[in-house]
Amino acid sequence: MKTPGAFTKEGFSVHFTGATIYGPDDENIGTAQHVHGYGADAQAVIDVGGFLGIGTKSIAVPVRDLDFMRDEAGDVHAVTRWTEDQLKDLPEHEH
C-alpha cells in the first residue's frame, strides 16, 4: 500500500489517522494526525517530538514522501526518509 490510491479519500484518512511513522532507522518518529487534500498534492500532518503528547509539534509533509504498509496485525504505519530531527526543524503546521 504505497500510495493513498488504495483507499477512497475518506477511507484513507480513517486508516492513516493514528498511524505510527518510522524513520530511516526504523525509529518511531511520530504519529499521523490527519491529511489535507488528496492525490499528488496531499499533505500528511504528523505530530513529532514530545513525550506522552506533551511538547509535540505538528508538521506537514507531502504524502508522497511516506511509504505506507500494514503490519501482521493489519495496522497501517508509514516509513519515511526523514529523521525526527529533520521533521522537528520544519515549520509548525497551523490548523
N, C-alpha and C. Protein backbone atom coordinates (compact mmCIF):
# COMPACT_ATOMS: atom_id res chain seq x y z
N MET A 1 0.85 -1.16 0.00
CA MET A 1 0.00 0.00 0.00
C MET A 1 0.91 1.23 0.00
N LYS A 2 1.51 1.54 -1.11
CA LYS A 2 2.48 2.62 -1.19
C LYS A 2 1.83 3.99 -1.26
N THR A 3 0.72 4.11 -1.91
CA THR A 3 0.11 5.42 -2.08
C THR A 3 -1.33 5.41 -1.60
N PRO A 4 -1.88 6.60 -1.35
CA PRO A 4 -3.26 6.65 -0.88
C PRO A 4 -4.28 6.19 -1.90
N GLY A 5 -3.88 5.91 -3.12
CA GLY A 5 -4.81 5.47 -4.13
C GLY A 5 -5.49 4.14 -3.78
N ALA A 6 -4.93 3.43 -2.80
CA ALA A 6 -5.50 2.15 -2.40
C ALA A 6 -6.81 2.32 -1.63
N PHE A 7 -7.10 3.52 -1.18
CA PHE A 7 -8.30 3.80 -0.41
C PHE A 7 -9.14 4.85 -1.11
N THR A 8 -10.39 4.93 -0.71
CA THR A 8 -11.16 6.10 -1.10
C THR A 8 -10.61 7.27 -0.29
N LYS A 9 -10.98 8.48 -0.66
CA LYS A 9 -10.50 9.66 0.07
C LYS A 9 -10.82 9.56 1.55
N GLU A 10 -12.04 9.22 1.89
CA GLU A 10 -12.44 9.12 3.29
C GLU A 10 -11.78 7.93 3.96
N GLY A 11 -11.70 6.82 3.27
CA GLY A 11 -11.10 5.61 3.84
C GLY A 11 -9.64 5.79 4.14
N PHE A 12 -8.92 6.51 3.30
CA PHE A 12 -7.51 6.74 3.54
C PHE A 12 -7.31 7.51 4.84
N SER A 13 -8.07 8.56 5.05
CA SER A 13 -7.94 9.36 6.27
C SER A 13 -8.21 8.52 7.51
N VAL A 14 -9.21 7.65 7.45
CA VAL A 14 -9.53 6.80 8.59
C VAL A 14 -8.38 5.86 8.90
N HIS A 15 -7.78 5.24 7.89
CA HIS A 15 -6.68 4.31 8.10
C HIS A 15 -5.40 5.03 8.52
N PHE A 16 -5.21 6.23 8.05
CA PHE A 16 -3.99 6.98 8.29
C PHE A 16 -3.94 7.58 9.69
N THR A 17 -5.05 8.09 10.19
CA THR A 17 -5.10 8.76 11.48
C THR A 17 -4.65 7.82 12.60
N GLY A 18 -3.65 8.26 13.35
CA GLY A 18 -3.11 7.47 14.44
C GLY A 18 -2.00 6.52 14.04
N ALA A 19 -1.68 6.45 12.75
CA ALA A 19 -0.62 5.55 12.28
C ALA A 19 0.74 6.00 12.80
N THR A 20 1.56 5.05 13.17
CA THR A 20 2.92 5.34 13.60
C THR A 20 3.77 5.63 12.36
N ILE A 21 4.64 6.64 12.46
CA ILE A 21 5.56 6.98 11.39
C ILE A 21 6.96 6.59 11.84
N TYR A 22 7.65 5.81 10.99
CA TYR A 22 9.00 5.35 11.28
C TYR A 22 10.00 6.04 10.37
N GLY A 23 11.17 6.36 10.94
CA GLY A 23 12.25 6.99 10.18
C GLY A 23 13.11 5.97 9.48
N PRO A 24 14.21 6.44 8.87
CA PRO A 24 15.06 5.56 8.07
C PRO A 24 15.72 4.43 8.86
N ASP A 25 15.86 4.57 10.18
CA ASP A 25 16.46 3.52 11.00
C ASP A 25 15.41 2.74 11.78
N ASP A 26 14.18 2.72 11.27
CA ASP A 26 13.05 2.04 11.92
C ASP A 26 12.75 2.59 13.31
N GLU A 27 13.11 3.86 13.53
CA GLU A 27 12.83 4.53 14.79
C GLU A 27 11.44 5.17 14.71
N ASN A 28 10.65 5.03 15.77
CA ASN A 28 9.34 5.66 15.84
C ASN A 28 9.57 7.17 15.97
N ILE A 29 9.17 7.92 14.93
CA ILE A 29 9.47 9.36 14.94
C ILE A 29 8.22 10.23 15.02
N GLY A 30 7.04 9.63 14.97
CA GLY A 30 5.85 10.46 15.06
C GLY A 30 4.57 9.67 14.89
N THR A 31 3.47 10.43 14.97
CA THR A 31 2.13 9.85 14.83
C THR A 31 1.32 10.67 13.84
N ALA A 32 0.69 10.00 12.91
CA ALA A 32 -0.13 10.66 11.90
C ALA A 32 -1.39 11.22 12.53
N GLN A 33 -1.71 12.47 12.22
CA GLN A 33 -2.90 13.11 12.77
C GLN A 33 -4.03 13.22 11.75
N HIS A 34 -3.73 13.73 10.58
CA HIS A 34 -4.74 13.82 9.52
C HIS A 34 -4.07 14.17 8.21
N VAL A 35 -4.88 14.21 7.16
CA VAL A 35 -4.39 14.51 5.81
C VAL A 35 -5.15 15.72 5.28
N HIS A 36 -4.41 16.61 4.65
CA HIS A 36 -5.02 17.74 3.94
C HIS A 36 -4.92 17.44 2.45
N GLY A 37 -6.06 17.50 1.78
CA GLY A 37 -6.07 17.26 0.34
C GLY A 37 -6.08 15.79 0.00
N TYR A 38 -5.90 15.51 -1.29
CA TYR A 38 -5.91 14.15 -1.77
C TYR A 38 -5.13 14.09 -3.08
N GLY A 39 -4.51 12.98 -3.34
CA GLY A 39 -3.75 12.83 -4.56
C GLY A 39 -2.34 13.37 -4.43
N ALA A 40 -1.77 13.82 -5.54
CA ALA A 40 -0.36 14.24 -5.59
C ALA A 40 -0.03 15.40 -4.67
N ASP A 41 -0.99 16.25 -4.35
CA ASP A 41 -0.73 17.41 -3.51
C ASP A 41 -1.10 17.22 -2.04
N ALA A 42 -1.51 16.02 -1.66
CA ALA A 42 -1.94 15.78 -0.28
C ALA A 42 -0.78 15.99 0.70
N GLN A 43 -1.11 16.56 1.85
CA GLN A 43 -0.14 16.80 2.92
C GLN A 43 -0.52 15.97 4.14
N ALA A 44 0.46 15.25 4.69
CA ALA A 44 0.25 14.48 5.91
C ALA A 44 0.66 15.33 7.10
N VAL A 45 -0.23 15.48 8.07
CA VAL A 45 0.09 16.21 9.29
C VAL A 45 0.52 15.17 10.34
N ILE A 46 1.73 15.36 10.85
CA ILE A 46 2.35 14.40 11.76
C ILE A 46 2.76 15.13 13.04
N ASP A 47 2.50 14.52 14.19
CA ASP A 47 3.00 15.03 15.46
C ASP A 47 4.35 14.39 15.73
N VAL A 48 5.36 15.23 15.99
CA VAL A 48 6.71 14.75 16.27
C VAL A 48 7.20 15.32 17.59
N GLY A 49 8.17 14.64 18.19
CA GLY A 49 8.77 15.11 19.43
C GLY A 49 7.86 14.92 20.62
N GLY A 50 8.29 15.47 21.72
CA GLY A 50 7.49 15.41 22.93
C GLY A 50 7.54 14.04 23.58
N PHE A 51 6.79 13.95 24.68
CA PHE A 51 6.70 12.72 25.43
C PHE A 51 5.27 12.60 25.95
N LEU A 52 4.63 11.50 25.62
CA LEU A 52 3.24 11.25 26.02
C LEU A 52 2.31 12.39 25.61
N GLY A 53 2.57 12.95 24.43
CA GLY A 53 1.71 14.00 23.91
C GLY A 53 2.04 15.40 24.40
N ILE A 54 3.00 15.53 25.31
CA ILE A 54 3.37 16.85 25.83
C ILE A 54 4.60 17.34 25.07
N GLY A 55 4.50 18.54 24.54
CA GLY A 55 5.63 19.11 23.81
C GLY A 55 5.75 18.66 22.37
N THR A 56 4.69 18.08 21.84
CA THR A 56 4.74 17.66 20.44
C THR A 56 4.57 18.86 19.52
N LYS A 57 5.03 18.69 18.30
CA LYS A 57 4.94 19.72 17.27
C LYS A 57 4.26 19.09 16.06
N SER A 58 3.24 19.74 15.53
CA SER A 58 2.58 19.27 14.32
C SER A 58 3.27 19.88 13.12
N ILE A 59 3.65 19.01 12.18
CA ILE A 59 4.28 19.46 10.94
C ILE A 59 3.55 18.81 9.76
N ALA A 60 3.76 19.33 8.57
CA ALA A 60 3.12 18.74 7.39
C ALA A 60 4.19 18.38 6.36
N VAL A 61 4.07 17.19 5.80
CA VAL A 61 4.96 16.73 4.73
C VAL A 61 4.10 16.16 3.60
N PRO A 62 4.63 16.16 2.39
CA PRO A 62 3.86 15.56 1.29
C PRO A 62 3.61 14.07 1.55
N VAL A 63 2.41 13.63 1.32
CA VAL A 63 2.07 12.21 1.49
C VAL A 63 2.98 11.35 0.61
N ARG A 64 3.39 11.86 -0.52
CA ARG A 64 4.24 11.09 -1.43
C ARG A 64 5.61 10.77 -0.81
N ASP A 65 5.98 11.45 0.30
CA ASP A 65 7.25 11.17 0.99
C ASP A 65 7.11 10.04 2.02
N LEU A 66 5.94 9.42 2.09
CA LEU A 66 5.70 8.33 3.04
C LEU A 66 5.37 7.05 2.29
N ASP A 67 5.94 5.94 2.73
CA ASP A 67 5.61 4.62 2.19
C ASP A 67 4.71 3.92 3.20
N PHE A 68 3.49 3.61 2.78
CA PHE A 68 2.51 3.02 3.68
C PHE A 68 2.50 1.51 3.56
N MET A 69 2.25 0.85 4.70
CA MET A 69 2.14 -0.60 4.71
C MET A 69 1.32 -1.03 5.92
N ARG A 70 0.97 -2.30 5.94
CA ARG A 70 0.26 -2.89 7.08
C ARG A 70 1.18 -3.91 7.74
N ASP A 71 1.10 -3.97 9.07
CA ASP A 71 1.85 -5.00 9.77
C ASP A 71 1.03 -6.28 9.84
N GLU A 72 1.55 -7.28 10.53
CA GLU A 72 0.87 -8.57 10.61
C GLU A 72 -0.51 -8.47 11.25
N ALA A 73 -0.70 -7.50 12.12
CA ALA A 73 -1.99 -7.31 12.79
C ALA A 73 -2.98 -6.51 11.94
N GLY A 74 -2.52 -6.02 10.78
CA GLY A 74 -3.39 -5.25 9.90
C GLY A 74 -3.36 -3.76 10.16
N ASP A 75 -2.52 -3.30 11.10
CA ASP A 75 -2.43 -1.87 11.40
C ASP A 75 -1.58 -1.15 10.36
N VAL A 76 -2.03 0.03 9.97
CA VAL A 76 -1.31 0.83 8.99
C VAL A 76 -0.22 1.63 9.69
N HIS A 77 0.95 1.66 9.07
CA HIS A 77 2.03 2.54 9.52
C HIS A 77 2.75 3.04 8.27
N ALA A 78 3.64 3.98 8.46
CA ALA A 78 4.36 4.54 7.33
C ALA A 78 5.84 4.67 7.65
N VAL A 79 6.65 4.63 6.60
CA VAL A 79 8.10 4.80 6.71
C VAL A 79 8.48 5.98 5.84
N THR A 80 9.41 6.79 6.34
CA THR A 80 9.88 7.94 5.59
C THR A 80 11.39 8.04 5.64
N ARG A 81 11.95 8.78 4.72
CA ARG A 81 13.40 9.03 4.70
C ARG A 81 13.78 10.11 5.69
N TRP A 82 12.79 10.88 6.16
CA TRP A 82 13.03 11.98 7.10
C TRP A 82 13.42 11.42 8.46
N THR A 83 14.34 12.10 9.15
CA THR A 83 14.65 11.76 10.53
C THR A 83 13.76 12.60 11.45
N GLU A 84 13.69 12.23 12.71
CA GLU A 84 12.90 13.01 13.66
C GLU A 84 13.43 14.44 13.77
N ASP A 85 14.76 14.59 13.79
CA ASP A 85 15.33 15.94 13.88
C ASP A 85 14.99 16.78 12.66
N GLN A 86 15.00 16.18 11.48
CA GLN A 86 14.62 16.92 10.27
C GLN A 86 13.17 17.37 10.34
N LEU A 87 12.30 16.49 10.82
CA LEU A 87 10.89 16.85 10.93
C LEU A 87 10.69 17.96 11.97
N LYS A 88 11.41 17.89 13.08
CA LYS A 88 11.30 18.92 14.11
C LYS A 88 11.74 20.29 13.60
N ASP A 89 12.65 20.30 12.62
CA ASP A 89 13.15 21.56 12.05
C ASP A 89 12.17 22.21 11.07
N LEU A 90 11.15 21.46 10.64
CA LEU A 90 10.15 22.02 9.71
C LEU A 90 9.26 23.02 10.45
N PRO A 91 8.67 23.95 9.71
CA PRO A 91 7.74 24.90 10.34
C PRO A 91 6.54 24.17 10.95
N GLU A 92 6.05 24.69 12.04
CA GLU A 92 4.87 24.11 12.67
C GLU A 92 3.64 24.28 11.78
N HIS A 93 2.86 23.21 11.70
CA HIS A 93 1.63 23.25 10.91
C HIS A 93 0.56 24.01 11.68
N GLU A 94 -0.05 24.97 11.04
CA GLU A 94 -1.15 25.74 11.64
C GLU A 94 -2.47 25.11 11.24
N HIS A 95 -3.25 24.68 12.21
CA HIS A 95 -4.53 24.00 11.92
C HIS A 95 -5.55 25.00 11.46
